[in-house]
Amino acid sequence: MAKYEMMFITRTDIPEEQIDKLIAQMEGVISGMDGKTEKVEKMGRRRLAYRIRRQREGYYVLFVFDGTGDTVREFERRLKVSDAVIKYMAVRVDERVKPVPKPKPAVAESAAAAPASPEVPADEEAPSQS
């Protein structure tokens, strides 16, 4: 079995009880397909980057679960026929890939690489080379 993350967005005019009912239904789909739900996170109401089905805001829900491709297909099929869901996306999480650390800013690298020049007092001039 592979680990998947599934995020879906529902309309905001849906009552909280109906969202909980949808979450329970999706957990049932996962367990019915011999999967295991690791985490369900209700992220709440957020503004969308662009309009989706005439909606400016959506209610975000994140599922993290172990399952097969059939589990994901059934999950997506159920979300597709639901009138409350306006958008969804599934991503397979690869356990072997480790997160890449953020690169350091280029300014800090160039300052550390340049050698410090000795300062010459204003009243002394550096000897000129002829």
N, C-alpha and C. Protein backbone atom coordinates (compact mmCIF):
# COMPACT_ATOMS: atom_id res chain seq x y z
N MET A 1 0.84 -1.19 0.00
CA MET A 1 0.00 0.00 0.00
C MET A 1 0.88 1.24 0.00
N ALA A 2 0.37 2.28 -0.62
CA ALA A 2 1.08 3.55 -0.70
C ALA A 2 0.36 4.59 0.15
N LYS A 3 1.09 5.63 0.49
CA LYS A 3 0.50 6.72 1.27
C LYS A 3 0.03 7.81 0.30
N TYR A 4 -1.16 8.32 0.53
CA TYR A 4 -1.75 9.36 -0.31
C TYR A 4 -2.22 10.52 0.55
N GLU A 5 -2.20 11.70 -0.05
CA GLU A 5 -2.83 12.88 0.54
C GLU A 5 -3.93 13.31 -0.42
N MET A 6 -5.12 13.48 0.11
CA MET A 6 -6.26 13.91 -0.69
C MET A 6 -6.83 15.17 -0.04
N MET A 7 -6.88 16.24 -0.82
CA MET A 7 -7.47 17.48 -0.33
C MET A 7 -8.68 17.78 -1.19
N PHE A 8 -9.76 18.17 -0.53
CA PHE A 8 -10.92 18.61 -1.29
C PHE A 8 -11.49 19.87 -0.66
N ILE A 9 -12.19 20.63 -1.50
CA ILE A 9 -12.77 21.90 -1.10
C ILE A 9 -14.27 21.81 -1.29
N THR A 10 -15.01 22.18 -0.26
CA THR A 10 -16.47 22.19 -0.34
C THR A 10 -16.97 23.62 -0.37
N ARG A 11 -18.21 23.76 -0.76
CA ARG A 11 -18.84 25.08 -0.75
C ARG A 11 -18.99 25.55 0.70
N THR A 12 -19.01 26.85 0.89
CA THR A 12 -19.10 27.38 2.26
C THR A 12 -20.53 27.48 2.76
N ASP A 13 -21.50 27.37 1.87
CA ASP A 13 -22.90 27.44 2.31
C ASP A 13 -23.41 26.10 2.84
N ILE A 14 -22.54 25.11 2.87
CA ILE A 14 -22.89 23.79 3.40
C ILE A 14 -22.75 23.82 4.92
N PRO A 15 -23.74 23.30 5.66
CA PRO A 15 -23.60 23.28 7.13
C PRO A 15 -22.48 22.34 7.59
N GLU A 16 -21.94 22.62 8.75
CA GLU A 16 -20.83 21.85 9.33
C GLU A 16 -21.20 20.36 9.49
N GLU A 17 -22.45 20.09 9.81
CA GLU A 17 -22.88 18.70 9.99
C GLU A 17 -22.77 17.91 8.68
N GLN A 18 -23.08 18.56 7.57
CA GLN A 18 -23.00 17.89 6.28
C GLN A 18 -21.54 17.63 5.89
N ILE A 19 -20.65 18.53 6.25
CA ILE A 19 -19.23 18.32 5.99
C ILE A 19 -18.72 17.14 6.83
N ASP A 20 -19.15 17.06 8.09
CA ASP A 20 -18.76 15.93 8.94
C ASP A 20 -19.31 14.62 8.37
N LYS A 21 -20.52 14.66 7.84
CA LYS A 21 -21.13 13.47 7.23
C LYS A 21 -20.33 13.03 6.00
N LEU A 22 -19.88 13.99 5.19
CA LEU A 22 -19.07 13.70 4.01
C LEU A 22 -17.72 13.10 4.42
N ILE A 23 -17.11 13.63 5.47
CA ILE A 23 -15.84 13.10 5.98
C ILE A 23 -16.02 11.67 6.46
N ALA A 24 -17.11 11.40 7.19
CA ALA A 24 -17.37 10.04 7.68
C ALA A 24 -17.60 9.09 6.50
N GLN A 25 -18.26 9.55 5.46
CA GLN A 25 -18.50 8.73 4.28
C GLN A 25 -17.18 8.40 3.59
N MET A 26 -16.29 9.38 3.48
CA MET A 26 -15.00 9.14 2.84
C MET A 26 -14.11 8.22 3.67
N GLU A 27 -14.18 8.32 5.00
CA GLU A 27 -13.45 7.39 5.86
C GLU A 27 -13.98 5.97 5.65
N GLY A 28 -15.28 5.84 5.44
CA GLY A 28 -15.88 4.54 5.16
C GLY A 28 -15.41 3.97 3.83
N VAL A 29 -15.24 4.83 2.84
CA VAL A 29 -14.72 4.39 1.55
C VAL A 29 -13.31 3.83 1.71
N ILE A 30 -12.48 4.52 2.46
CA ILE A 30 -11.10 4.09 2.66
C ILE A 30 -11.05 2.76 3.41
N SER A 31 -11.80 2.65 4.49
CA SER A 31 -11.78 1.40 5.25
C SER A 31 -12.45 0.26 4.48
N GLY A 32 -13.43 0.56 3.65
CA GLY A 32 -14.07 -0.46 2.83
C GLY A 32 -13.18 -1.02 1.75
N MET A 33 -12.18 -0.25 1.34
CA MET A 33 -11.23 -0.71 0.32
C MET A 33 -9.93 -1.19 0.98
N ASP A 34 -9.99 -1.60 2.24
CA ASP A 34 -8.86 -2.12 3.01
C ASP A 34 -7.75 -1.09 3.17
N GLY A 35 -8.10 0.18 3.25
CA GLY A 35 -7.13 1.24 3.49
C GLY A 35 -7.14 1.63 4.96
N LYS A 36 -6.25 2.55 5.30
CA LYS A 36 -6.15 3.00 6.68
C LYS A 36 -6.02 4.52 6.69
N THR A 37 -6.92 5.19 7.38
CA THR A 37 -6.89 6.64 7.49
C THR A 37 -5.89 7.02 8.58
N GLU A 38 -4.90 7.84 8.21
CA GLU A 38 -3.91 8.29 9.18
C GLU A 38 -4.31 9.60 9.83
N LYS A 39 -4.82 10.54 9.02
CA LYS A 39 -5.14 11.85 9.57
C LYS A 39 -6.24 12.49 8.74
N VAL A 40 -7.15 13.15 9.40
CA VAL A 40 -8.16 13.98 8.75
C VAL A 40 -8.06 15.35 9.39
N GLU A 41 -7.77 16.35 8.57
CA GLU A 41 -7.60 17.70 9.09
C GLU A 41 -8.59 18.63 8.41
N LYS A 42 -9.47 19.20 9.22
CA LYS A 42 -10.38 20.21 8.69
C LYS A 42 -9.66 21.55 8.79
N MET A 43 -9.25 22.07 7.64
CA MET A 43 -8.44 23.28 7.63
C MET A 43 -9.29 24.54 7.70
N GLY A 44 -10.56 24.41 7.49
CA GLY A 44 -11.45 25.54 7.66
C GLY A 44 -11.70 26.32 6.39
N ARG A 45 -12.32 27.45 6.58
CA ARG A 45 -12.75 28.31 5.49
C ARG A 45 -11.59 29.21 5.05
N ARG A 46 -11.35 29.23 3.74
CA ARG A 46 -10.27 30.06 3.18
C ARG A 46 -10.72 30.67 1.87
N ARG A 47 -10.07 31.76 1.54
CA ARG A 47 -10.34 32.44 0.27
C ARG A 47 -9.63 31.68 -0.85
N LEU A 48 -10.32 31.51 -1.96
CA LEU A 48 -9.77 30.82 -3.12
C LEU A 48 -8.94 31.79 -3.95
N ALA A 49 -7.96 31.28 -4.66
CA ALA A 49 -7.11 32.11 -5.51
C ALA A 49 -7.89 32.62 -6.72
N TYR A 50 -8.86 31.85 -7.16
CA TYR A 50 -9.70 32.24 -8.29
C TYR A 50 -11.07 31.59 -8.08
N ARG A 51 -12.05 32.07 -8.80
CA ARG A 51 -13.40 31.54 -8.65
C ARG A 51 -13.47 30.11 -9.16
N ILE A 52 -14.15 29.28 -8.39
CA ILE A 52 -14.41 27.90 -8.79
C ILE A 52 -15.91 27.70 -8.63
N ARG A 53 -16.58 27.43 -9.72
CA ARG A 53 -18.04 27.24 -9.72
C ARG A 53 -18.75 28.38 -8.99
N ARG A 54 -18.35 29.59 -9.34
CA ARG A 54 -18.94 30.83 -8.80
C ARG A 54 -18.71 31.02 -7.31
N GLN A 55 -17.74 30.34 -6.74
CA GLN A 55 -17.43 30.46 -5.31
C GLN A 55 -16.13 31.22 -5.14
N ARG A 56 -16.09 32.14 -4.18
CA ARG A 56 -14.88 32.88 -3.86
C ARG A 56 -14.16 32.30 -2.64
N GLU A 57 -14.87 31.54 -1.82
CA GLU A 57 -14.31 30.92 -0.63
C GLU A 57 -14.68 29.45 -0.63
N GLY A 58 -13.88 28.67 0.10
CA GLY A 58 -14.15 27.24 0.22
C GLY A 58 -13.73 26.72 1.57
N TYR A 59 -14.26 25.56 1.91
CA TYR A 59 -13.93 24.89 3.16
C TYR A 59 -12.99 23.73 2.82
N TYR A 60 -11.74 23.79 3.31
CA TYR A 60 -10.71 22.82 2.95
C TYR A 60 -10.67 21.65 3.94
N VAL A 61 -10.53 20.44 3.39
CA VAL A 61 -10.39 19.23 4.20
C VAL A 61 -9.24 18.41 3.62
N LEU A 62 -8.33 17.95 4.49
CA LEU A 62 -7.17 17.16 4.08
C LEU A 62 -7.26 15.76 4.66
N PHE A 63 -7.12 14.75 3.81
CA PHE A 63 -7.05 13.35 4.23
C PHE A 63 -5.65 12.84 3.96
N VAL A 64 -5.07 12.11 4.90
CA VAL A 64 -3.82 11.38 4.70
C VAL A 64 -4.16 9.93 5.00
N PHE A 65 -3.93 9.05 4.02
CA PHE A 65 -4.33 7.65 4.20
C PHE A 65 -3.40 6.71 3.43
N ASP A 66 -3.42 5.45 3.84
CA ASP A 66 -2.73 4.38 3.13
C ASP A 66 -3.77 3.64 2.31
N GLY A 67 -3.44 3.34 1.07
CA GLY A 67 -4.39 2.63 0.23
C GLY A 67 -3.77 2.26 -1.10
N THR A 68 -4.61 1.80 -2.00
CA THR A 68 -4.18 1.41 -3.33
C THR A 68 -4.75 2.40 -4.34
N GLY A 69 -4.41 2.19 -5.60
CA GLY A 69 -4.96 3.03 -6.66
C GLY A 69 -6.47 2.92 -6.75
N ASP A 70 -7.00 1.73 -6.48
CA ASP A 70 -8.46 1.54 -6.49
C ASP A 70 -9.13 2.36 -5.40
N THR A 71 -8.46 2.47 -4.26
CA THR A 71 -9.00 3.29 -3.16
C THR A 71 -9.11 4.75 -3.60
N VAL A 72 -8.08 5.25 -4.25
CA VAL A 72 -8.07 6.64 -4.70
C VAL A 72 -9.13 6.87 -5.78
N ARG A 73 -9.26 5.92 -6.71
CA ARG A 73 -10.27 6.05 -7.77
C ARG A 73 -11.68 6.10 -7.19
N GLU A 74 -11.95 5.24 -6.21
CA GLU A 74 -13.29 5.24 -5.59
C GLU A 74 -13.52 6.52 -4.79
N PHE A 75 -12.49 6.99 -4.09
CA PHE A 75 -12.56 8.24 -3.33
C PHE A 75 -12.90 9.39 -4.28
N GLU A 76 -12.16 9.48 -5.40
CA GLU A 76 -12.40 10.55 -6.37
C GLU A 76 -13.77 10.44 -7.01
N ARG A 77 -14.21 9.22 -7.28
CA ARG A 77 -15.54 9.03 -7.88
C ARG A 77 -16.64 9.55 -6.96
N ARG A 78 -16.50 9.26 -5.67
CA ARG A 78 -17.49 9.74 -4.69
C ARG A 78 -17.47 11.26 -4.57
N LEU A 79 -16.27 11.84 -4.62
CA LEU A 79 -16.18 13.30 -4.53
C LEU A 79 -16.77 13.96 -5.79
N LYS A 80 -16.58 13.32 -6.93
CA LYS A 80 -17.05 13.88 -8.19
C LYS A 80 -18.57 13.97 -8.24
N VAL A 81 -19.26 13.00 -7.65
CA VAL A 81 -20.73 13.01 -7.70
C VAL A 81 -21.36 13.83 -6.57
N SER A 82 -20.53 14.27 -5.62
CA SER A 82 -21.04 15.08 -4.51
C SER A 82 -21.23 16.52 -4.96
N ASP A 83 -22.41 17.08 -4.69
CA ASP A 83 -22.69 18.47 -5.06
C ASP A 83 -21.96 19.46 -4.15
N ALA A 84 -21.59 19.04 -2.96
CA ALA A 84 -20.94 19.93 -2.00
C ALA A 84 -19.49 20.21 -2.38
N VAL A 85 -18.83 19.26 -3.05
CA VAL A 85 -17.40 19.38 -3.36
C VAL A 85 -17.23 20.16 -4.65
N ILE A 86 -16.36 21.19 -4.59
CA ILE A 86 -16.11 22.00 -5.79
C ILE A 86 -14.76 21.70 -6.42
N LYS A 87 -13.81 21.14 -5.67
CA LYS A 87 -12.49 20.82 -6.21
C LYS A 87 -11.85 19.77 -5.32
N TYR A 88 -11.03 18.90 -5.94
CA TYR A 88 -10.30 17.90 -5.17
C TYR A 88 -9.00 17.57 -5.89
N MET A 89 -8.05 17.02 -5.11
CA MET A 89 -6.76 16.63 -5.68
C MET A 89 -6.14 15.55 -4.80
N ALA A 90 -5.60 14.52 -5.47
CA ALA A 90 -4.92 13.43 -4.77
C ALA A 90 -3.46 13.43 -5.16
N VAL A 91 -2.59 13.19 -4.18
CA VAL A 91 -1.15 13.15 -4.39
C VAL A 91 -0.60 11.93 -3.67
N ARG A 92 0.24 11.16 -4.38
CA ARG A 92 0.90 10.03 -3.74
C ARG A 92 2.16 10.55 -3.06
N VAL A 93 2.35 10.19 -1.80
CA VAL A 93 3.51 10.63 -1.03
C VAL A 93 4.53 9.51 -1.07
N ASP A 94 5.73 9.82 -1.55
CA ASP A 94 6.80 8.84 -1.64
C ASP A 94 7.61 8.89 -0.35
N GLU A 95 7.67 7.78 0.35
CA GLU A 95 8.37 7.72 1.63
C GLU A 95 9.88 7.84 1.47
N ARG A 96 10.42 7.40 0.32
CA ARG A 96 11.87 7.39 0.14
C ARG A 96 12.44 8.78 -0.11
N VAL A 97 11.63 9.66 -0.63
CA VAL A 97 12.11 11.00 -0.95
C VAL A 97 12.07 11.85 0.31
N LYS A 98 13.21 12.43 0.64
CA LYS A 98 13.29 13.29 1.82
C LYS A 98 13.12 14.73 1.37
N PRO A 99 12.54 15.58 2.22
CA PRO A 99 12.38 16.98 1.84
C PRO A 99 13.73 17.64 1.59
N VAL A 100 13.78 18.45 0.58
CA VAL A 100 15.01 19.17 0.23
C VAL A 100 15.10 20.41 1.11
N PRO A 101 16.26 20.62 1.76
CA PRO A 101 16.38 21.82 2.59
C PRO A 101 16.36 23.08 1.73
N LYS A 102 15.88 24.14 2.31
CA LYS A 102 15.80 25.41 1.58
C LYS A 102 17.21 25.93 1.31
N PRO A 103 17.45 26.44 0.11
CA PRO A 103 18.77 27.00 -0.17
C PRO A 103 18.97 28.31 0.59
N LYS A 104 20.23 28.58 0.93
CA LYS A 104 20.54 29.82 1.63
C LYS A 104 20.50 30.97 0.63
N PRO A 105 20.21 32.16 1.10
CA PRO A 105 20.18 33.30 0.18
C PRO A 105 21.55 33.54 -0.46
N ALA A 106 21.55 34.02 -1.70
CA ALA A 106 22.78 34.25 -2.44
C ALA A 106 23.61 35.37 -1.83
N VAL A 107 22.98 36.32 -1.17
CA VAL A 107 23.70 37.45 -0.57
C VAL A 107 24.62 36.95 0.53
N ALA A 108 24.16 36.04 1.34
CA ALA A 108 24.97 35.53 2.44
C ALA A 108 26.15 34.73 1.91
N GLU A 109 25.95 33.99 0.81
CA GLU A 109 27.04 33.21 0.24
C GLU A 109 28.13 34.11 -0.34
N SER A 110 27.75 35.17 -1.04
CA SER A 110 28.75 36.04 -1.66
C SER A 110 29.52 36.83 -0.60
N ALA A 111 28.89 37.20 0.49
CA ALA A 111 29.57 37.93 1.55
C ALA A 111 30.56 37.02 2.27
N ALA A 112 30.22 35.77 2.43
CA ALA A 112 31.11 34.84 3.11
C ALA A 112 32.27 34.43 2.22
N ALA A 113 32.07 34.39 0.92
CA ALA A 113 33.10 33.97 -0.02
C ALA A 113 34.13 35.06 -0.27
N ALA A 114 33.75 36.33 -0.19
CA ALA A 114 34.67 37.44 -0.47
C ALA A 114 35.58 37.64 0.74
N PRO A 115 36.90 37.72 0.52
CA PRO A 115 37.80 37.95 1.66
C PRO A 115 37.65 39.39 2.16
N ALA A 116 37.85 39.53 3.44
CA ALA A 116 37.72 40.86 4.04
C ALA A 116 38.95 41.69 3.65
N SER A 117 38.73 42.90 3.15
CA SER A 117 39.85 43.77 2.78
C SER A 117 40.27 44.58 4.01
N PRO A 118 41.58 44.73 4.22
CA PRO A 118 42.03 45.50 5.39
C PRO A 118 41.69 46.97 5.19
N GLU A 119 41.24 47.56 6.25
CA GLU A 119 40.88 48.97 6.17
C GLU A 119 42.12 49.83 6.40
N VAL A 120 42.26 50.89 5.64
CA VAL A 120 43.37 51.82 5.75
C VAL A 120 42.84 53.08 6.40
N PRO A 121 43.50 53.55 7.46
CA PRO A 121 43.03 54.80 8.08
C PRO A 121 43.05 55.94 7.07
N ALA A 122 42.21 56.91 7.27
CA ALA A 122 42.08 58.03 6.31
C ALA A 122 43.33 58.89 6.23
N ASP A 123 44.09 59.06 7.36
CA ASP A 123 45.26 59.91 7.32
C ASP A 123 46.47 59.22 6.73
N GLU A 124 46.45 57.87 6.62
CA GLU A 124 47.54 57.16 5.97
C GLU A 124 47.12 56.75 4.59
N GLU A 125 48.00 56.93 3.64
CA GLU A 125 47.68 56.51 2.30
C GLU A 125 48.39 55.19 2.04
N ALA A 126 47.77 54.40 1.22
CA ALA A 126 48.40 53.13 0.85
C ALA A 126 49.56 53.45 -0.08
N PRO A 127 50.68 52.75 0.06
CA PRO A 127 51.83 53.02 -0.82
C PRO A 127 51.44 52.72 -2.27
N SER A 128 51.87 53.59 -3.14
CA SER A 128 51.57 53.39 -4.55
C SER A 128 52.65 52.54 -5.17
N GLN A 129 52.24 51.71 -6.08
CA GLN A 129 53.19 50.84 -6.75
C GLN A 129 53.54 51.44 -8.09
N SER A 130 54.82 51.56 -8.36
CA SER A 130 55.26 52.18 -9.60
C SER A 130 55.85 51.17 -10.52
